[in-house]
C-alpha atoms as a PDB file:
ATOM      1  CA  UNK A   1      19.504 -10.738  18.847  1.00  0.00           C
ATOM      2  CA  UNK A   2      17.455  -7.549  19.098  1.00  0.00           C
ATOM      3  CA  UNK A   3      14.274  -7.758  21.190  1.00  0.00           C
ATOM      4  CA  UNK A   4      11.069  -8.313  19.224  1.00  0.00           C
ATOM      5  CA  UNK A   5       8.817  -6.619  21.780  1.00  0.00           C
ATOM      6  CA  UNK A   6       6.346  -4.425  19.905  1.00  0.00           C
ATOM      7  CA  UNK A   7       5.688  -0.923  21.281  1.00  0.00           C
ATOM      8  CA  UNK A   8       2.248   0.351  21.999  1.00  0.00           C
ATOM      9  CA  UNK A   9       0.537   2.361  19.268  1.00  0.00           C
ATOM     10  CA  UNK A  10       0.845   5.519  21.388  1.00  0.00           C
ATOM     11  CA  UNK A  11       4.536   4.887  21.990  1.00  0.00           C
ATOM     12  CA  UNK A  12       5.127   4.169  18.303  1.00  0.00           C
ATOM     13  CA  UNK A  13       3.450   7.378  17.215  1.00  0.00           C
ATOM     14  CA  UNK A  14       5.488   9.480  19.681  1.00  0.00           C
ATOM     15  CA  UNK A  15       8.708   7.853  18.550  1.00  0.00           C
ATOM     16  CA  UNK A  16       7.751   8.111  14.873  1.00  0.00           C
ATOM     17  CA  UNK A  17       7.106  11.828  15.268  1.00  0.00           C
ATOM     18  CA  UNK A  18      10.566  12.351  16.704  1.00  0.00           C
ATOM     19  CA  UNK A  19      12.121  10.277  13.926  1.00  0.00           C
ATOM     20  CA  UNK A  20      10.377  12.109  11.097  1.00  0.00           C
ATOM     21  CA  UNK A  21      11.639  15.417  12.390  1.00  0.00           C
ATOM     22  CA  UNK A  22      15.252  14.435  13.023  1.00  0.00           C
ATOM     23  CA  UNK A  23      16.506  11.775  10.602  1.00  0.00           C
ATOM     24  CA  UNK A  24      19.617  13.621   9.381  1.00  0.00           C
ATOM     25  CA  UNK A  25      21.903  11.550  11.635  1.00  0.00           C
ATOM     26  CA  UNK A  26      21.201   8.757  14.144  1.00  0.00           C
ATOM     27  CA  UNK A  27      22.775  10.835  16.957  1.00  0.00           C
ATOM     28  CA  UNK A  28      20.335  13.638  16.198  1.00  0.00           C
ATOM     29  CA  UNK A  29      17.454  11.189  16.292  1.00  0.00           C
ATOM     30  CA  UNK A  30      18.486   9.841  19.678  1.00  0.00           C
ATOM     31  CA  UNK A  31      18.921  13.357  21.085  1.00  0.00           C
ATOM     32  CA  UNK A  32      15.530  14.456  19.798  1.00  0.00           C
ATOM     33  CA  UNK A  33      13.879  11.375  21.261  1.00  0.00           C
ATOM     34  CA  UNK A  34      15.534  11.921  24.669  1.00  0.00           C
ATOM     35  CA  UNK A  35      14.203  15.481  24.683  1.00  0.00           C
ATOM     36  CA  UNK A  36      10.743  14.227  23.719  1.00  0.00           C
ATOM     37  CA  UNK A  37      10.785  11.674  26.539  1.00  0.00           C
ATOM     38  CA  UNK A  38      11.637  14.398  29.092  1.00  0.00           C
ATOM     39  CA  UNK A  39       8.739  16.606  27.987  1.00  0.00           C
ATOM     40  CA  UNK A  40       6.027  13.988  27.447  1.00  0.00           C
ATOM     41  CA  UNK A  41       4.543  11.037  29.273  1.00  0.00           C
ATOM     42  CA  UNK A  42       7.163   8.274  29.680  1.00  0.00           C
ATOM     43  CA  UNK A  43       7.127   5.415  27.189  1.00  0.00           C
ATOM     44  CA  UNK A  44       6.174   1.889  28.133  1.00  0.00           C
ATOM     45  CA  UNK A  45       8.591  -0.258  30.119  1.00  0.00           C
ATOM     46  CA  UNK A  46       9.483  -2.289  27.027  1.00  0.00           C
ATOM     47  CA  UNK A  47      10.317   0.869  25.084  1.00  0.00           C
ATOM     48  CA  UNK A  48      12.558   2.147  27.904  1.00  0.00           C
ATOM     49  CA  UNK A  49      14.470  -1.131  28.258  1.00  0.00           C
ATOM     50  CA  UNK A  50      18.203  -0.675  27.525  1.00  0.00           C
ATOM     51  CA  UNK A  51      19.256  -1.602  24.000  1.00  0.00           C
ATOM     52  CA  UNK A  52      21.946  -4.261  24.049  1.00  0.00           C
ATOM     53  CA  UNK A  53      25.010  -3.353  21.957  1.00  0.00           C
ATOM     54  CA  UNK A  54      25.237  -5.230  18.684  1.00  0.00           C
ATOM     55  CA  UNK A  55      28.491  -5.695  16.722  1.00  0.00           C
ATOM     56  CA  UNK A  56      29.033  -3.385  13.770  1.00  0.00           C
ATOM     57  CA  UNK A  57      26.177  -1.013  14.594  1.00  0.00           C
ATOM     58  CA  UNK A  58      27.699   1.732  12.475  1.00  0.00           C
ATOM     59  CA  UNK A  59      25.433   4.209  10.666  1.00  0.00           C
ATOM     60  CA  UNK A  60      27.132   4.215   7.302  1.00  0.00           C
ATOM     61  CA  UNK A  61      24.755   6.352   5.245  1.00  0.00           C
ATOM     62  CA  UNK A  62      25.620  10.066   5.366  1.00  0.00           C
ATOM     63  CA  UNK A  63      22.015  11.197   5.661  1.00  0.00           C
ATOM     64  CA  UNK A  64      20.316   8.018   6.939  1.00  0.00           C
ATOM     65  CA  UNK A  65      16.725   8.690   5.745  1.00  0.00           C
ATOM     66  CA  UNK A  66      15.330  11.939   4.380  1.00  0.00           C
ATOM     67  CA  UNK A  67      12.343  13.375   6.281  1.00  0.00           C
ATOM     68  CA  UNK A  68      10.143  13.015   3.186  1.00  0.00           C
ATOM     69  CA  UNK A  69      10.942   9.321   2.798  1.00  0.00           C
ATOM     70  CA  UNK A  70      10.572   8.748   6.540  1.00  0.00           C
ATOM     71  CA  UNK A  71       7.079  10.274   6.475  1.00  0.00           C
ATOM     72  CA  UNK A  72       6.069   8.044   3.561  1.00  0.00           C
ATOM     73  CA  UNK A  73       7.349   4.944   5.364  1.00  0.00           C
ATOM     74  CA  UNK A  74       5.572   5.848   8.603  1.00  0.00           C
ATOM     75  CA  UNK A  75       2.346   6.463   6.691  1.00  0.00           C
ATOM     76  CA  UNK A  76       2.716   3.025   5.101  1.00  0.00           C
ATOM     77  CA  UNK A  77       3.201   1.227   8.415  1.00  0.00           C
ATOM     78  CA  UNK A  78       0.086   2.969   9.739  1.00  0.00           C
ATOM     79  CA  UNK A  79      -1.877   2.119   6.593  1.00  0.00           C
ATOM     80  CA  UNK A  80      -0.943  -1.563   6.762  1.00  0.00           C
ATOM     81  CA  UNK A  81      -0.806  -1.795  10.550  1.00  0.00           C
ATOM     82  CA  UNK A  82      -3.285  -4.651  10.802  1.00  0.00           C
ATOM     83  CA  UNK A  83      -1.039  -6.810   8.583  1.00  0.00           C
ATOM     84  CA  UNK A  84       2.309  -5.853  10.121  1.00  0.00           C
ATOM     85  CA  UNK A  85       2.660  -7.989  13.229  1.00  0.00           C
ATOM     86  CA  UNK A  86       5.861  -6.370  14.561  1.00  0.00           C
ATOM     87  CA  UNK A  87       6.109  -2.591  14.463  1.00  0.00           C
ATOM     88  CA  UNK A  88       9.109  -2.041  16.717  1.00  0.00           C
ATOM     89  CA  UNK A  89      11.368  -1.583  13.699  1.00  0.00           C
ATOM     90  CA  UNK A  90      11.223  -1.526   9.921  1.00  0.00           C
ATOM     91  CA  UNK A  91      13.494  -1.410   6.891  1.00  0.00           C
ATOM     92  CA  UNK A  92      13.542   1.479   4.450  1.00  0.00           C
ATOM     93  CA  UNK A  93      15.140   0.850   1.050  1.00  0.00           C
ATOM     94  CA  UNK A  94      16.095   4.306  -0.209  1.00  0.00           C
ATOM     95  CA  UNK A  95      16.327   3.837  -3.951  1.00  0.00           C
ATOM     96  CA  UNK A  96      17.104   7.526  -4.439  1.00  0.00           C
ATOM     97  CA  UNK A  97      20.664   6.624  -3.430  1.00  0.00           C
ATOM     98  CA  UNK A  98      23.048   4.714  -5.723  1.00  0.00           C
ATOM     99  CA  UNK A  99      23.903   1.080  -5.117  1.00  0.00           C
ATOM    100  CA  UNK A 100      27.398   2.137  -4.015  1.00  0.00           C
ATOM    101  CA  UNK A 101      25.900   3.610  -0.822  1.00  0.00           C
ATOM    102  CA  UNK A 102      24.413   1.643   2.097  1.00  0.00           C
ATOM    103  CA  UNK A 103      20.723   2.348   1.480  1.00  0.00           C
ATOM    104  CA  UNK A 104      18.956  -0.587   3.169  1.00  0.00           C
ATOM    105  CA  UNK A 105      18.193   1.123   6.471  1.00  0.00           C
ATOM    106  CA  UNK A 106      17.072  -0.790   9.561  1.00  0.00           C
ATOM    107  CA  UNK A 107      15.204   1.787  11.652  1.00  0.00           C
ATOM    108  CA  UNK A 108      14.484   1.003  15.303  1.00  0.00           C
ATOM    109  CA  UNK A 109      11.226   2.835  16.050  1.00  0.00           C
ATOM    110  CA  UNK A 110      11.734   2.448  19.807  1.00  0.00           C
ATOM    111  CA  UNK A 111      15.318   3.653  20.261  1.00  0.00           C
ATOM    112  CA  UNK A 112      15.699   5.743  17.102  1.00  0.00           C
ATOM    113  CA  UNK A 113      18.926   3.959  16.174  1.00  0.00           C
ATOM    114  CA  UNK A 114      19.655   2.761  12.656  1.00  0.00           C
ATOM    115  CA  UNK A 115      21.953   0.384  10.809  1.00  0.00           C
ATOM    116  CA  UNK A 116      22.493   0.603   7.052  1.00  0.00           C
ATOM    117  CA  UNK A 117      23.491  -2.113   4.580  1.00  0.00           C
ATOM    118  CA  UNK A 118      24.263  -2.355   0.893  1.00  0.00           C
ATOM    119  CA  UNK A 119      21.445  -3.713  -1.282  1.00  0.00           C
ATOM    120  CA  UNK A 120      21.132  -4.310  -5.006  1.00  0.00           C
ATOM    121  CA  UNK A 121      18.222  -3.292  -7.219  1.00  0.00           C
ATOM    122  CA  UNK A 122      16.754  -5.014 -10.247  1.00  0.00           C
ATOM    123  CA  UNK A 123      18.347  -4.964 -13.695  1.00  0.00           C
ATOM    124  CA  UNK A 124      15.020  -3.875 -15.182  1.00  0.00           C
ATOM    125  CA  UNK A 125      15.151  -0.768 -12.997  1.00  0.00           C
ATOM    126  CA  UNK A 126      18.602   0.169 -14.290  1.00  0.00           C
ATOM    127  CA  UNK A 127      19.065  -1.139 -17.856  1.00  0.00           C
ATOM    128  CA  UNK A 128      22.270   0.837 -18.401  1.00  0.00           C
ATOM    129  CA  UNK A 129      23.754  -0.400 -15.115  1.00  0.00           C
ATOM    130  CA  UNK A 130      24.418   3.141 -13.937  1.00  0.00           C
ATOM    131  CA  UNK A 131      24.057   2.175 -10.284  1.00  0.00           C
ATOM    132  CA  UNK A 132      20.859   4.215  -9.948  1.00  0.00           C
ATOM    133  CA  UNK A 133      17.210   3.115 -10.063  1.00  0.00           C
ATOM    134  CA  UNK A 134      15.592   4.675 -13.130  1.00  0.00           C
ATOM    135  CA  UNK A 135      12.166   3.042 -12.951  1.00  0.00           C
ATOM    136  CA  UNK A 136      10.012   0.639 -10.949  1.00  0.00           C
ATOM    137  CA  UNK A 137       7.768  -2.133 -12.200  1.00  0.00           C
ATOM    138  CA  UNK A 138       5.303  -4.619 -10.744  1.00  0.00           C
ATOM    139  CA  UNK A 139       5.140  -6.655 -13.947  1.00  0.00           C
ATOM    140  CA  UNK A 140       6.184 -10.285 -14.149  1.00  0.00           C
ATOM    141  CA  UNK A 141       9.329 -10.685 -16.238  1.00  0.00           C
ATOM    142  CA  UNK A 142      10.371  -7.056 -15.849  1.00  0.00           C
ATOM    143  CA  UNK A 143      13.342  -7.920 -13.577  1.00  0.00           C
ATOM    144  CA  UNK A 144      12.710  -4.541 -11.977  1.00  0.00           C
ATOM    145  CA  UNK A 145      12.473  -3.483  -8.364  1.00  0.00           C
ATOM    146  CA  UNK A 146       9.024  -2.517  -7.109  1.00  0.00           C
ATOM    147  CA  UNK A 147       8.147   0.380  -4.840  1.00  0.00           C
ATOM    148  CA  UNK A 148       5.842   0.186  -1.844  1.00  0.00           C
ATOM    149  CA  UNK A 149       5.440  -1.717   1.410  1.00  0.00           C
ATOM    150  CA  UNK A 150       6.460  -5.367   1.699  1.00  0.00           C
ATOM    151  CA  UNK A 151       5.713  -7.770   4.534  1.00  0.00           C
ATOM    152  CA  UNK A 152       8.611 -10.040   5.501  1.00  0.00           C
ATOM    153  CA  UNK A 153       7.269 -13.594   5.375  1.00  0.00           C
ATOM    154  CA  UNK A 154       8.707 -17.108   5.741  1.00  0.00           C
ATOM    155  CA  UNK A 155      12.241 -18.335   5.079  1.00  0.00           C
ATOM    156  CA  UNK A 156      13.093 -21.020   2.539  1.00  0.00           C
ATOM    157  CA  UNK A 157      16.119 -22.441   0.744  1.00  0.00           C
ATOM    158  CA  UNK A 158      16.189 -21.842  -2.999  1.00  0.00           C
ATOM    159  CA  UNK A 159      18.603 -21.166  -5.849  1.00  0.00           C
ATOM    160  CA  UNK A 160      20.180 -18.313  -3.877  1.00  0.00           C
ATOM    161  CA  UNK A 161      20.455 -20.358  -0.689  1.00  0.00           C
ATOM    162  CA  UNK A 162      18.546 -19.228   2.379  1.00  0.00           C
ATOM    163  CA  UNK A 163      16.033 -16.570   1.354  1.00  0.00           C
ATOM    164  CA  UNK A 164      12.963 -14.820   2.718  1.00  0.00           C
ATOM    165  CA  UNK A 165       9.689 -14.404   0.864  1.00  0.00           C
ATOM    166  CA  UNK A 166       8.030 -10.998   0.686  1.00  0.00           C
ATOM    167  CA  UNK A 167       4.358 -10.111   0.324  1.00  0.00           C
ATOM    168  CA  UNK A 168       3.598  -6.901  -1.545  1.00  0.00           C
ATOM    169  CA  UNK A 169       1.024  -4.823   0.313  1.00  0.00           C
ATOM    170  CA  UNK A 170       0.436  -2.061  -2.250  1.00  0.00           C
ATOM    171  CA  UNK A 171      -0.925  -1.983  -5.823  1.00  0.00           C
ATOM    172  CA  UNK A 172       2.591  -1.067  -6.954  1.00  0.00           C
ATOM    173  CA  UNK A 173       4.113  -4.318  -5.634  1.00  0.00           C
ATOM    174  CA  UNK A 174       1.274  -6.784  -5.077  1.00  0.00           C
ATOM    175  CA  UNK A 175       2.844  -9.244  -7.546  1.00  0.00           C
ATOM    176  CA  UNK A 176       5.927  -9.655  -5.370  1.00  0.00           C
ATOM    177  CA  UNK A 177       5.024 -13.142  -4.194  1.00  0.00           C
ATOM    178  CA  UNK A 178       4.242 -14.469  -7.676  1.00  0.00           C
ATOM    179  CA  UNK A 179       7.356 -12.752  -9.064  1.00  0.00           C
ATOM    180  CA  UNK A 180       9.476 -14.379  -6.315  1.00  0.00           C
ATOM    181  CA  UNK A 181      10.734 -11.002  -5.092  1.00  0.00           C
ATOM    182  CA  UNK A 182      12.655 -12.001  -1.955  1.00  0.00           C
ATOM    183  CA  UNK A 183      15.534 -11.076   0.324  1.00  0.00           C
ATOM    184  CA  UNK A 184      18.656 -13.148  -0.398  1.00  0.00           C
ATOM    185  CA  UNK A 185      22.417 -12.965  -0.339  1.00  0.00           C
ATOM    186  CA  UNK A 186      24.465 -12.513  -3.510  1.00  0.00           C
ATOM    187  CA  UNK A 187      28.133 -12.223  -4.446  1.00  0.00           C
ATOM    188  CA  UNK A 188      27.363  -9.165  -6.565  1.00  0.00           C
ATOM    189  CA  UNK A 189      26.202  -7.304  -3.440  1.00  0.00           C
ATOM    190  CA  UNK A 190      29.447  -7.854  -1.535  1.00  0.00           C
ATOM    191  CA  UNK A 191      31.499  -4.717  -0.730  1.00  0.00           C
ATOM    192  CA  UNK A 192      34.322  -5.959  -2.993  1.00  0.00           C
ATOM    193  CA  UNK A 193      32.136  -5.011  -5.977  1.00  0.00           C
ATOM    194  CA  UNK A 194      32.538  -1.351  -5.068  1.00  0.00           C
ATOM    195  CA  UNK A 195      36.330  -1.589  -5.170  1.00  0.00           C
ATOM    196  CA  UNK A 196      36.362  -3.241  -8.584  1.00  0.00           C
ATOM    197  CA  UNK A 197      33.307  -1.725 -10.298  1.00  0.00           C
ATOM    198  CA  UNK A 198      32.204   1.265  -8.217  1.00  0.00           C
ATOM    199  CA  UNK A 199      28.686  -0.133  -7.886  1.00  0.00           C
ATOM    200  CA  UNK A 200      26.884  -3.357  -7.025  1.00  0.00           C
ATOM    201  CA  UNK A 201      25.602  -5.857  -9.516  1.00  0.00           C
ATOM    202  CA  UNK A 202      21.891  -6.112 -10.269  1.00  0.00           C
ATOM    203  CA  UNK A 203      19.254  -8.592  -9.160  1.00  0.00           C
ATOM    204  CA  UNK A 204      16.071  -9.677 -10.922  1.00  0.00           C
ATOM    205  CA  UNK A 205      14.074  -7.372  -8.691  1.00  0.00           C
ATOM    206  CA  UNK A 206      15.024  -8.921  -5.336  1.00  0.00           C
ATOM    207  CA  UNK A 207      16.577  -7.182  -2.346  1.00  0.00           C
ATOM    208  CA  UNK A 208      20.003  -8.816  -2.681  1.00  0.00           C
ATOM    209  CA  UNK A 209      22.417  -8.116   0.177  1.00  0.00           C
ATOM    210  CA  UNK A 210      26.026  -9.124   0.730  1.00  0.00           C
ATOM    211  CA  UNK A 211      26.597 -12.802   1.426  1.00  0.00           C
ATOM    212  CA  UNK A 212      28.319 -12.106   4.750  1.00  0.00           C
ATOM    213  CA  UNK A 213      25.534  -9.720   5.786  1.00  0.00           C
ATOM    214  CA  UNK A 214      22.631 -12.092   5.220  1.00  0.00           C
ATOM    215  CA  UNK A 215      22.499 -13.639   8.692  1.00  0.00           C
ATOM    216  CA  UNK A 216      22.451 -10.220  10.350  1.00  0.00           C
ATOM    217  CA  UNK A 217      19.840  -8.943   7.891  1.00  0.00           C
ATOM    218  CA  UNK A 218      17.548 -11.872   8.698  1.00  0.00           C
ATOM    219  CA  UNK A 219      18.150 -11.408  12.407  1.00  0.00           C
ATOM    220  CA  UNK A 220      17.244  -7.720  12.302  1.00  0.00           C
ATOM    221  CA  UNK A 221      14.314  -8.047   9.904  1.00  0.00           C
ATOM    222  CA  UNK A 222      12.737 -11.235  11.217  1.00  0.00           C
ATOM    223  CA  UNK A 223       9.232 -12.188  10.109  1.00  0.00           C
ATOM    224  CA  UNK A 224       6.175  -9.973  10.280  1.00  0.00           C
ATOM    225  CA  UNK A 225       7.985  -6.653   9.801  1.00  0.00           C
ATOM    226  CA  UNK A 226       7.753  -4.165   6.966  1.00  0.00           C
ATOM    227  CA  UNK A 227      10.197  -3.179   4.241  1.00  0.00           C
ATOM    228  CA  UNK A 228       9.333   0.082   2.543  1.00  0.00           C
ATOM    229  CA  UNK A 229      11.009   0.762  -0.822  1.00  0.00           C
ATOM    230  CA  UNK A 230      10.763   4.074  -2.636  1.00  0.00           C
ATOM    231  CA  UNK A 231      12.616   6.821  -4.469  1.00  0.00           C
ATOM    232  CA  UNK A 232      11.922  10.410  -3.417  1.00  0.00           C
END
């Protein structure tokens, strides 16, 4: 279980600056942050605490997060800071990438490390099932993914098993709760889909992850953190 200790605002901003400038690879992020720590005032004790190794922490996206998308996500967490209880890490859903690539990025804003998972998008965002998001929608019944910042809320058990409700924080996704846009596990998001079809299946707008990944996703996301979804 990763620590939920939230960094100070000053520490977050220093770390965020290093991340935005060096998100090509996680190793580059860590190196940039170590250099920043040597030149500037040390971070808080909680930020400097050693990160316990977690199984399967393998950065599987070739570029992790583009600087442009990282800046948009950091701006969103600042904009919604009073509603985001835990700002030590966040998730960025990079819908510029195809569903065949791990594009659900868990970004640790304290250590600079990242872990990436497969995630499906909505059928209304990709009517031809090309594997790429073509459009976003906030409309009920659209079955499309929405862009913007989401707050991870409570867990519940529904038709997809254990799931997590999301609250849309922007005008582009503020119907998420009424649309039942959630995080859940799904067979069509399992890696086997890539071997047989070359892409994942599609959700009804939810962030559907692999069934075997769900427990880890919930553990890393927790409640009170932000998911930022966009295509740049």
